[in-house]
Amino acid sequence: MSEHSNISRMLYEYLKGELDPDDYGKVDEHLLHCTRCQKDIRELNAAISIFRPVVRPSEERSEEFWNTFALEVEQNIQRTEQHGWKERITETLQQWSPTRRWVIVGMAGAAVTLVLAVIASRTTFTPGVEETPPEVTELESAALNIDRMSQYFRKSKTLLVGLTNMKMFDDQPVDLNAERQASRELIHEARYLKRQPIDMRSAQLINDLERVLIELANLEESSDIPDVQLIRSGIRHENLLFKIRMAESLYDSSRFVRVRQEF
């Protein structure tokens, strides 16, 4: 602790005369050259003089004072009975000396400060505690990935089977609006799955499917038969439906759930 801070803590005891001689001398010497402590001790002394209570009034007041005081009290009581209580309050306030008025001002200021502090403490914003998401165990994370892989392959197979078996007429364009939308969703899901720890065969199958899905998503809403036939030939050439059925057996989520429940 610095010498200045140590002296500042002793200023009140210095004014009250409660320091031992050594500390009293240290404060005297410090006050000779420290303007900040000089200002602090003047303000502290002024505050003490304002709020210093009269410990034993009977020893500081003469007997004549108390006789006069008793007479004034009796006269005030009589005037209060004759006049209203409002006039009495006004008269009492007017009789206060300037020193007592400063006491009222000080007490009022302290009361206002206290009220503001209470209001601030009640209205201070307390940030809510951020909820920590529950920890996902390694087993649960693996189960989630297996379930998403299983759904991806099932939806891809449904889309490709539907496209392969779609009836087409030579004189009419093919409406592929629903298929194009499904392809976009599967492409988005494939990009997520490729970032997960999966086996090489499944990763290769996802890449093969993605090429077909991108071609399908880029078709116009009403496409000609040759465009659709080109995608169909790609599905047969890559033997994608057979590969999907093999992958589905590997990523059978229902079987994995049963194994997980046993543990």
C-alpha atoms as a PDB file:
ATOM      1  CA  MET A   1       0.000   0.000   0.000  1.00  0.00           C
ATOM      2  CA  SER A   2       1.396   3.501  -0.895  1.00  0.00           C
ATOM      3  CA  GLU A   3       2.129   6.115   1.731  1.00  0.00           C
ATOM      4  CA  HIS A   4      -0.608   8.374   0.350  1.00  0.00           C
ATOM      5  CA  SER A   5      -3.260   5.635   0.653  1.00  0.00           C
ATOM      6  CA  ASN A   6      -2.111   4.806   4.183  1.00  0.00           C
ATOM      7  CA  ILE A   7      -2.318   8.449   5.264  1.00  0.00           C
ATOM      8  CA  SER A   8      -5.758   8.845   3.649  1.00  0.00           C
ATOM      9  CA  ARG A   9      -7.089   6.010   5.783  1.00  0.00           C
ATOM     10  CA  MET A  10      -5.917   7.783   8.947  1.00  0.00           C
ATOM     11  CA  LEU A  11      -7.408  11.233   8.276  1.00  0.00           C
ATOM     12  CA  TYR A  12     -10.623  10.553  10.192  1.00  0.00           C
ATOM     13  CA  GLU A  13      -8.773   9.257  13.262  1.00  0.00           C
ATOM     14  CA  TYR A  14      -6.438  12.259  12.915  1.00  0.00           C
ATOM     15  CA  LEU A  15      -9.348  14.694  13.220  1.00  0.00           C
ATOM     16  CA  LYS A  16     -10.874  12.689  16.078  1.00  0.00           C
ATOM     17  CA  GLY A  17      -7.566  12.665  17.947  1.00  0.00           C
ATOM     18  CA  GLU A  18      -7.476   8.874  18.074  1.00  0.00           C
ATOM     19  CA  LEU A  19      -4.008   8.316  16.542  1.00  0.00           C
ATOM     20  CA  ASP A  20      -0.910   7.419  18.481  1.00  0.00           C
ATOM     21  CA  PRO A  21       1.905  10.052  18.525  1.00  0.00           C
ATOM     22  CA  ASP A  22       3.960   8.389  15.776  1.00  0.00           C
ATOM     23  CA  ASP A  23       1.053   8.203  13.311  1.00  0.00           C
ATOM     24  CA  TYR A  24      -0.061  11.679  14.273  1.00  0.00           C
ATOM     25  CA  GLY A  25       3.412  13.002  13.348  1.00  0.00           C
ATOM     26  CA  LYS A  26       3.359  11.129  10.026  1.00  0.00           C
ATOM     27  CA  VAL A  27       0.030  12.692   9.094  1.00  0.00           C
ATOM     28  CA  ASP A  28       1.259  16.174  10.085  1.00  0.00           C
ATOM     29  CA  GLU A  29       4.362  15.790   7.946  1.00  0.00           C
ATOM     30  CA  HIS A  30       2.388  14.427   4.975  1.00  0.00           C
ATOM     31  CA  LEU A  31      -0.127  17.279   5.105  1.00  0.00           C
ATOM     32  CA  LEU A  32       2.677  19.820   4.691  1.00  0.00           C
ATOM     33  CA  HIS A  33       3.296  18.841   1.064  1.00  0.00           C
ATOM     34  CA  CYS A  34       0.174  16.892  -0.097  1.00  0.00           C
ATOM     35  CA  THR A  35      -2.494  19.272  -1.430  1.00  0.00           C
ATOM     36  CA  ARG A  36      -4.885  16.424  -2.133  1.00  0.00           C
ATOM     37  CA  CYS A  37      -4.919  15.273   1.496  1.00  0.00           C
ATOM     38  CA  GLN A  38      -5.201  18.896   2.612  1.00  0.00           C
ATOM     39  CA  LYS A  39      -8.365  19.225   0.559  1.00  0.00           C
ATOM     40  CA  ASP A  40      -9.697  15.882   1.836  1.00  0.00           C
ATOM     41  CA  ILE A  41      -9.163  16.785   5.471  1.00  0.00           C
ATOM     42  CA  ARG A  42     -10.892  20.159   5.042  1.00  0.00           C
ATOM     43  CA  GLU A  43     -13.930  18.480   3.493  1.00  0.00           C
ATOM     44  CA  LEU A  44     -13.918  15.751   6.136  1.00  0.00           C
ATOM     45  CA  ASN A  45     -13.671  18.305   8.932  1.00  0.00           C
ATOM     46  CA  ALA A  46     -16.591  20.286   7.456  1.00  0.00           C
ATOM     47  CA  ALA A  47     -18.722  17.166   7.247  1.00  0.00           C
ATOM     48  CA  ILE A  48     -17.921  16.191  10.833  1.00  0.00           C
ATOM     49  CA  SER A  49     -18.763  19.679  12.077  1.00  0.00           C
ATOM     50  CA  ILE A  50     -22.163  19.569  10.334  1.00  0.00           C
ATOM     51  CA  PHE A  51     -23.218  16.135  11.500  1.00  0.00           C
ATOM     52  CA  ARG A  52     -21.502  16.069  14.897  1.00  0.00           C
ATOM     53  CA  PRO A  53     -24.243  15.340  17.455  1.00  0.00           C
ATOM     54  CA  VAL A  54     -24.539  17.060  20.790  1.00  0.00           C
ATOM     55  CA  VAL A  55     -23.581  14.182  23.063  1.00  0.00           C
ATOM     56  CA  ARG A  56     -24.726  15.645  26.349  1.00  0.00           C
ATOM     57  CA  PRO A  57     -26.822  18.791  25.843  1.00  0.00           C
ATOM     58  CA  SER A  58     -27.379  19.261  29.543  1.00  0.00           C
ATOM     59  CA  GLU A  59     -23.682  19.946  30.059  1.00  0.00           C
ATOM     60  CA  GLU A  60     -23.403  22.408  27.150  1.00  0.00           C
ATOM     61  CA  ARG A  61     -26.565  24.407  27.909  1.00  0.00           C
ATOM     62  CA  SER A  62     -27.034  26.677  30.874  1.00  0.00           C
ATOM     63  CA  GLU A  63     -29.913  26.403  33.306  1.00  0.00           C
ATOM     64  CA  GLU A  64     -31.298  29.696  31.974  1.00  0.00           C
ATOM     65  CA  PHE A  65     -31.446  28.186  28.483  1.00  0.00           C
ATOM     66  CA  TRP A  66     -33.509  25.235  29.643  1.00  0.00           C
ATOM     67  CA  ASN A  67     -35.914  27.440  31.568  1.00  0.00           C
ATOM     68  CA  THR A  68     -36.426  29.619  28.504  1.00  0.00           C
ATOM     69  CA  PHE A  69     -36.763  26.516  26.318  1.00  0.00           C
ATOM     70  CA  ALA A  70     -39.513  25.071  28.530  1.00  0.00           C
ATOM     71  CA  LEU A  71     -41.387  28.359  28.429  1.00  0.00           C
ATOM     72  CA  GLU A  72     -41.169  28.500  24.617  1.00  0.00           C
ATOM     73  CA  VAL A  73     -42.436  24.934  24.333  1.00  0.00           C
ATOM     74  CA  GLU A  74     -45.450  25.736  26.472  1.00  0.00           C
ATOM     75  CA  GLN A  75     -46.186  28.858  24.437  1.00  0.00           C
ATOM     76  CA  ASN A  76     -45.833  26.923  21.168  1.00  0.00           C
ATOM     77  CA  ILE A  77     -48.329  24.342  22.387  1.00  0.00           C
ATOM     78  CA  GLN A  78     -50.810  27.045  23.151  1.00  0.00           C
ATOM     79  CA  ARG A  79     -50.319  28.665  19.716  1.00  0.00           C
ATOM     80  CA  THR A  80     -50.767  25.283  18.048  1.00  0.00           C
ATOM     81  CA  GLU A  81     -54.135  24.880  19.722  1.00  0.00           C
ATOM     82  CA  GLN A  82     -55.144  28.346  18.543  1.00  0.00           C
ATOM     83  CA  HIS A  83     -53.814  28.037  14.978  1.00  0.00           C
ATOM     84  CA  GLY A  84     -53.845  25.231  12.485  1.00  0.00           C
ATOM     85  CA  TRP A  85     -51.093  22.652  12.216  1.00  0.00           C
ATOM     86  CA  LYS A  86     -49.985  24.051   8.830  1.00  0.00           C
ATOM     87  CA  GLU A  87     -49.126  27.430  10.303  1.00  0.00           C
ATOM     88  CA  ARG A  88     -47.224  25.720  13.091  1.00  0.00           C
ATOM     89  CA  ILE A  89     -45.055  23.755  10.703  1.00  0.00           C
ATOM     90  CA  THR A  90     -44.242  26.896   8.706  1.00  0.00           C
ATOM     91  CA  GLU A  91     -43.305  28.779  11.859  1.00  0.00           C
ATOM     92  CA  THR A  92     -41.107  25.957  13.108  1.00  0.00           C
ATOM     93  CA  LEU A  93     -39.163  25.784   9.853  1.00  0.00           C
ATOM     94  CA  GLN A  94     -38.609  29.536   9.867  1.00  0.00           C
ATOM     95  CA  GLN A  95     -37.059  29.336  13.357  1.00  0.00           C
ATOM     96  CA  TRP A  96     -34.270  26.967  12.247  1.00  0.00           C
ATOM     97  CA  SER A  97     -30.825  28.494  12.240  1.00  0.00           C
ATOM     98  CA  PRO A  98     -28.689  28.420   9.033  1.00  0.00           C
ATOM     99  CA  THR A  99     -26.566  25.607  10.461  1.00  0.00           C
ATOM    100  CA  ARG A 100     -29.629  23.438  11.060  1.00  0.00           C
ATOM    101  CA  ARG A 101     -30.850  24.164   7.533  1.00  0.00           C
ATOM    102  CA  TRP A 102     -27.590  22.785   6.182  1.00  0.00           C
ATOM    103  CA  VAL A 103     -28.173  19.677   8.293  1.00  0.00           C
ATOM    104  CA  ILE A 104     -31.583  19.239   6.645  1.00  0.00           C
ATOM    105  CA  VAL A 105     -30.023  19.677   3.200  1.00  0.00           C
ATOM    106  CA  GLY A 106     -27.350  17.116   4.018  1.00  0.00           C
ATOM    107  CA  MET A 107     -29.853  14.618   5.380  1.00  0.00           C
ATOM    108  CA  ALA A 108     -32.125  15.111   2.364  1.00  0.00           C
ATOM    109  CA  GLY A 109     -29.197  14.568  -0.002  1.00  0.00           C
ATOM    110  CA  ALA A 110     -28.230  11.403   1.805  1.00  0.00           C
ATOM    111  CA  ALA A 111     -31.824  10.148   1.647  1.00  0.00           C
ATOM    112  CA  VAL A 112     -32.038  10.826  -2.097  1.00  0.00           C
ATOM    113  CA  THR A 113     -28.724   9.038  -2.670  1.00  0.00           C
ATOM    114  CA  LEU A 114     -29.954   6.041  -0.701  1.00  0.00           C
ATOM    115  CA  VAL A 115     -33.222   5.868  -2.676  1.00  0.00           C
ATOM    116  CA  LEU A 116     -31.369   6.084  -6.008  1.00  0.00           C
ATOM    117  CA  ALA A 117     -28.996   3.328  -4.923  1.00  0.00           C
ATOM    118  CA  VAL A 118     -31.903   1.048  -4.010  1.00  0.00           C
ATOM    119  CA  ILE A 119     -33.643   1.749  -7.337  1.00  0.00           C
ATOM    120  CA  ALA A 120     -30.425   1.107  -9.266  1.00  0.00           C
ATOM    121  CA  SER A 121     -29.851  -2.171  -7.465  1.00  0.00           C
ATOM    122  CA  ARG A 122     -33.368  -3.328  -8.359  1.00  0.00           C
ATOM    123  CA  THR A 123     -33.259  -2.185 -11.973  1.00  0.00           C
ATOM    124  CA  THR A 124     -29.712  -3.251 -12.789  1.00  0.00           C
ATOM    125  CA  PHE A 125     -29.797  -5.640 -15.665  1.00  0.00           C
ATOM    126  CA  THR A 126     -28.500  -9.040 -14.759  1.00  0.00           C
ATOM    127  CA  PRO A 127     -27.494 -10.970 -17.823  1.00  0.00           C
ATOM    128  CA  GLY A 128     -29.286 -14.266 -18.047  1.00  0.00           C
ATOM    129  CA  VAL A 129     -27.161 -17.327 -17.623  1.00  0.00           C
ATOM    130  CA  GLU A 130     -26.583 -18.833 -21.013  1.00  0.00           C
ATOM    131  CA  GLU A 131     -27.927 -22.295 -21.152  1.00  0.00           C
ATOM    132  CA  THR A 132     -25.280 -24.844 -21.940  1.00  0.00           C
ATOM    133  CA  PRO A 133     -26.495 -27.304 -24.518  1.00  0.00           C
ATOM    134  CA  PRO A 134     -26.486 -30.864 -23.283  1.00  0.00           C
ATOM    135  CA  GLU A 135     -23.374 -32.764 -24.155  1.00  0.00           C
ATOM    136  CA  VAL A 136     -23.747 -35.163 -27.037  1.00  0.00           C
ATOM    137  CA  THR A 137     -21.928 -38.394 -26.368  1.00  0.00           C
ATOM    138  CA  GLU A 138     -19.860 -40.057 -29.061  1.00  0.00           C
ATOM    139  CA  LEU A 139     -22.394 -42.881 -29.302  1.00  0.00           C
ATOM    140  CA  GLU A 140     -25.321 -40.469 -29.735  1.00  0.00           C
ATOM    141  CA  SER A 141     -23.397 -38.499 -32.376  1.00  0.00           C
ATOM    142  CA  ALA A 142     -22.682 -41.692 -34.303  1.00  0.00           C
ATOM    143  CA  ALA A 143     -26.348 -42.701 -34.067  1.00  0.00           C
ATOM    144  CA  LEU A 144     -27.398 -39.305 -35.449  1.00  0.00           C
ATOM    145  CA  ASN A 145     -25.043 -39.599 -38.414  1.00  0.00           C
ATOM    146  CA  ILE A 146     -26.196 -43.149 -39.158  1.00  0.00           C
ATOM    147  CA  ASP A 147     -29.819 -42.043 -39.086  1.00  0.00           C
ATOM    148  CA  ARG A 148     -29.124 -39.176 -41.499  1.00  0.00           C
ATOM    149  CA  MET A 149     -27.161 -41.440 -43.821  1.00  0.00           C
ATOM    150  CA  SER A 150     -30.008 -43.953 -43.812  1.00  0.00           C
ATOM    151  CA  GLN A 151     -32.549 -41.238 -44.642  1.00  0.00           C
ATOM    152  CA  TYR A 152     -30.308 -39.820 -47.369  1.00  0.00           C
ATOM    153  CA  PHE A 153     -29.979 -43.163 -49.132  1.00  0.00           C
ATOM    154  CA  ARG A 154     -33.694 -43.939 -48.744  1.00  0.00           C
ATOM    155  CA  LYS A 155     -34.751 -40.598 -50.232  1.00  0.00           C
ATOM    156  CA  SER A 156     -32.198 -40.903 -53.038  1.00  0.00           C
ATOM    157  CA  LYS A 157     -33.451 -44.382 -53.935  1.00  0.00           C
ATOM    158  CA  THR A 158     -37.070 -43.185 -53.939  1.00  0.00           C
ATOM    159  CA  LEU A 159     -36.162 -40.296 -56.243  1.00  0.00           C
ATOM    160  CA  LEU A 160     -34.156 -42.422 -58.679  1.00  0.00           C
ATOM    161  CA  VAL A 161     -36.732 -45.239 -58.780  1.00  0.00           C
ATOM    162  CA  GLY A 162     -39.459 -42.692 -59.504  1.00  0.00           C
ATOM    163  CA  LEU A 163     -37.395 -41.091 -62.247  1.00  0.00           C
ATOM    164  CA  THR A 164     -36.524 -44.469 -63.789  1.00  0.00           C
ATOM    165  CA  ASN A 165     -40.147 -45.636 -63.834  1.00  0.00           C
ATOM    166  CA  MET A 166     -41.602 -42.312 -64.937  1.00  0.00           C
ATOM    167  CA  LYS A 167     -43.921 -42.577 -67.938  1.00  0.00           C
ATOM    168  CA  MET A 168     -43.070 -40.219 -70.756  1.00  0.00           C
ATOM    169  CA  PHE A 169     -44.862 -39.331 -73.986  1.00  0.00           C
ATOM    170  CA  ASP A 170     -43.065 -38.300 -77.114  1.00  0.00           C
ATOM    171  CA  ASP A 171     -45.286 -35.309 -77.790  1.00  0.00           C
ATOM    172  CA  GLN A 172     -45.291 -33.862 -74.245  1.00  0.00           C
ATOM    173  CA  PRO A 173     -42.550 -32.335 -72.076  1.00  0.00           C
ATOM    174  CA  VAL A 174     -41.815 -33.932 -68.714  1.00  0.00           C
ATOM    175  CA  ASP A 175     -42.768 -32.008 -65.542  1.00  0.00           C
ATOM    176  CA  LEU A 176     -39.772 -32.364 -63.175  1.00  0.00           C
ATOM    177  CA  ASN A 177     -40.549 -29.593 -60.681  1.00  0.00           C
ATOM    178  CA  ALA A 178     -40.889 -31.926 -57.658  1.00  0.00           C
ATOM    179  CA  GLU A 179     -37.838 -33.984 -58.658  1.00  0.00           C
ATOM    180  CA  ARG A 180     -35.676 -30.877 -59.071  1.00  0.00           C
ATOM    181  CA  GLN A 181     -36.660 -29.625 -55.594  1.00  0.00           C
ATOM    182  CA  ALA A 182     -35.924 -33.032 -54.028  1.00  0.00           C
ATOM    183  CA  SER A 183     -32.540 -33.098 -55.784  1.00  0.00           C
ATOM    184  CA  ARG A 184     -31.542 -29.732 -54.312  1.00  0.00           C
ATOM    185  CA  GLU A 185     -32.404 -30.897 -50.799  1.00  0.00           C
ATOM    186  CA  LEU A 186     -30.383 -34.099 -51.234  1.00  0.00           C
ATOM    187  CA  ILE A 187     -27.396 -32.162 -52.609  1.00  0.00           C
ATOM    188  CA  HIS A 188     -27.456 -29.946 -49.520  1.00  0.00           C
ATOM    189  CA  GLU A 189     -27.613 -33.005 -47.249  1.00  0.00           C
ATOM    190  CA  ALA A 190     -24.792 -34.723 -49.160  1.00  0.00           C
ATOM    191  CA  ARG A 191     -22.453 -31.798 -48.470  1.00  0.00           C
ATOM    192  CA  TYR A 192     -23.073 -32.192 -44.761  1.00  0.00           C
ATOM    193  CA  LEU A 193     -22.571 -35.967 -44.810  1.00  0.00           C
ATOM    194  CA  LYS A 194     -19.269 -35.716 -46.679  1.00  0.00           C
ATOM    195  CA  ARG A 195     -17.851 -33.738 -43.751  1.00  0.00           C
ATOM    196  CA  GLN A 196     -18.673 -36.568 -41.338  1.00  0.00           C
ATOM    197  CA  PRO A 197     -16.468 -39.598 -40.605  1.00  0.00           C
ATOM    198  CA  ILE A 198     -17.882 -42.161 -43.059  1.00  0.00           C
ATOM    199  CA  ASP A 199     -16.380 -45.136 -44.868  1.00  0.00           C
ATOM    200  CA  MET A 200     -14.750 -44.731 -48.281  1.00  0.00           C
ATOM    201  CA  ARG A 201     -17.362 -46.775 -50.162  1.00  0.00           C
ATOM    202  CA  SER A 202     -20.226 -44.626 -48.843  1.00  0.00           C
ATOM    203  CA  ALA A 203     -18.284 -41.459 -49.609  1.00  0.00           C
ATOM    204  CA  GLN A 204     -17.756 -42.613 -53.196  1.00  0.00           C
ATOM    205  CA  LEU A 205     -21.449 -43.469 -53.554  1.00  0.00           C
ATOM    206  CA  ILE A 206     -22.411 -40.002 -52.302  1.00  0.00           C
ATOM    207  CA  ASN A 207     -20.131 -38.451 -54.940  1.00  0.00           C
ATOM    208  CA  ASP A 208     -21.689 -40.584 -57.709  1.00  0.00           C
ATOM    209  CA  LEU A 209     -25.190 -39.686 -56.564  1.00  0.00           C
ATOM    210  CA  GLU A 210     -24.296 -36.014 -56.329  1.00  0.00           C
ATOM    211  CA  ARG A 211     -23.338 -35.862 -59.998  1.00  0.00           C
ATOM    212  CA  VAL A 212     -26.716 -37.300 -61.021  1.00  0.00           C
ATOM    213  CA  LEU A 213     -28.600 -35.076 -58.597  1.00  0.00           C
ATOM    214  CA  ILE A 214     -26.847 -31.947 -59.883  1.00  0.00           C
ATOM    215  CA  GLU A 215     -27.790 -32.835 -63.466  1.00  0.00           C
ATOM    216  CA  LEU A 216     -31.398 -33.370 -62.377  1.00  0.00           C
ATOM    217  CA  ALA A 217     -31.525 -30.124 -60.372  1.00  0.00           C
ATOM    218  CA  ASN A 218     -30.225 -28.128 -63.336  1.00  0.00           C
ATOM    219  CA  LEU A 219     -32.927 -29.359 -65.719  1.00  0.00           C
ATOM    220  CA  GLU A 220     -35.725 -27.019 -66.646  1.00  0.00           C
ATOM    221  CA  GLU A 221     -39.115 -27.460 -64.991  1.00  0.00           C
ATOM    222  CA  SER A 222     -40.477 -28.926 -68.224  1.00  0.00           C
ATOM    223  CA  SER A 223     -37.698 -30.868 -69.926  1.00  0.00           C
ATOM    224  CA  ASP A 224     -37.518 -32.852 -73.099  1.00  0.00           C
ATOM    225  CA  ILE A 225     -37.375 -36.624 -73.079  1.00  0.00           C
ATOM    226  CA  PRO A 226     -33.734 -36.853 -74.256  1.00  0.00           C
ATOM    227  CA  ASP A 227     -32.543 -34.960 -71.173  1.00  0.00           C
ATOM    228  CA  VAL A 228     -34.360 -37.360 -68.861  1.00  0.00           C
ATOM    229  CA  GLN A 229     -33.142 -40.380 -70.791  1.00  0.00           C
ATOM    230  CA  LEU A 230     -29.579 -39.182 -70.399  1.00  0.00           C
ATOM    231  CA  ILE A 231     -29.961 -39.110 -66.596  1.00  0.00           C
ATOM    232  CA  ARG A 232     -31.624 -42.539 -66.629  1.00  0.00           C
ATOM    233  CA  SER A 233     -28.721 -44.023 -68.560  1.00  0.00           C
ATOM    234  CA  GLY A 234     -26.320 -42.554 -66.003  1.00  0.00           C
ATOM    235  CA  ILE A 235     -28.231 -44.234 -63.172  1.00  0.00           C
ATOM    236  CA  ARG A 236     -28.071 -47.618 -64.939  1.00  0.00           C
ATOM    237  CA  HIS A 237     -24.444 -47.194 -65.983  1.00  0.00           C
ATOM    238  CA  GLU A 238     -23.287 -46.474 -62.434  1.00  0.00           C
ATOM    239  CA  ASN A 239     -25.572 -49.207 -61.066  1.00  0.00           C
ATOM    240  CA  LEU A 240     -26.669 -46.676 -58.448  1.00  0.00           C
ATOM    241  CA  LEU A 241     -29.836 -48.408 -57.266  1.00  0.00           C
ATOM    242  CA  PHE A 242     -27.933 -51.584 -56.385  1.00  0.00           C
ATOM    243  CA  LYS A 243     -25.231 -49.598 -54.570  1.00  0.00           C
ATOM    244  CA  ILE A 244     -27.881 -47.689 -52.624  1.00  0.00           C
ATOM    245  CA  ARG A 245     -29.538 -50.927 -51.466  1.00  0.00           C
ATOM    246  CA  MET A 246     -26.151 -52.200 -50.244  1.00  0.00           C
ATOM    247  CA  ALA A 247     -25.504 -48.943 -48.404  1.00  0.00           C
ATOM    248  CA  GLU A 248     -28.963 -49.052 -46.823  1.00  0.00           C
ATOM    249  CA  SER A 249     -28.188 -52.434 -45.295  1.00  0.00           C
ATOM    250  CA  LEU A 250     -24.980 -50.987 -43.860  1.00  0.00           C
ATOM    251  CA  TYR A 251     -26.699 -47.908 -42.431  1.00  0.00           C
ATOM    252  CA  ASP A 252     -29.780 -49.602 -41.026  1.00  0.00           C
ATOM    253  CA  SER A 253     -30.631 -47.100 -38.309  1.00  0.00           C
ATOM    254  CA  SER A 254     -33.273 -49.324 -36.699  1.00  0.00           C
ATOM    255  CA  ARG A 255     -30.701 -52.062 -36.190  1.00  0.00           C
ATOM    256  CA  PHE A 256     -28.260 -49.612 -34.686  1.00  0.00           C
ATOM    257  CA  VAL A 257     -30.911 -48.299 -32.291  1.00  0.00           C
ATOM    258  CA  ARG A 258     -31.559 -51.804 -31.017  1.00  0.00           C
ATOM    259  CA  VAL A 259     -27.843 -52.375 -30.409  1.00  0.00           C
ATOM    260  CA  ARG A 260     -27.531 -49.039 -28.615  1.00  0.00           C
ATOM    261  CA  GLN A 261     -30.485 -49.822 -26.337  1.00  0.00           C
ATOM    262  CA  GLU A 262     -28.864 -53.102 -25.316  1.00  0.00           C
ATOM    263  CA  PHE A 263     -25.938 -51.138 -23.941  1.00  0.00           C
END
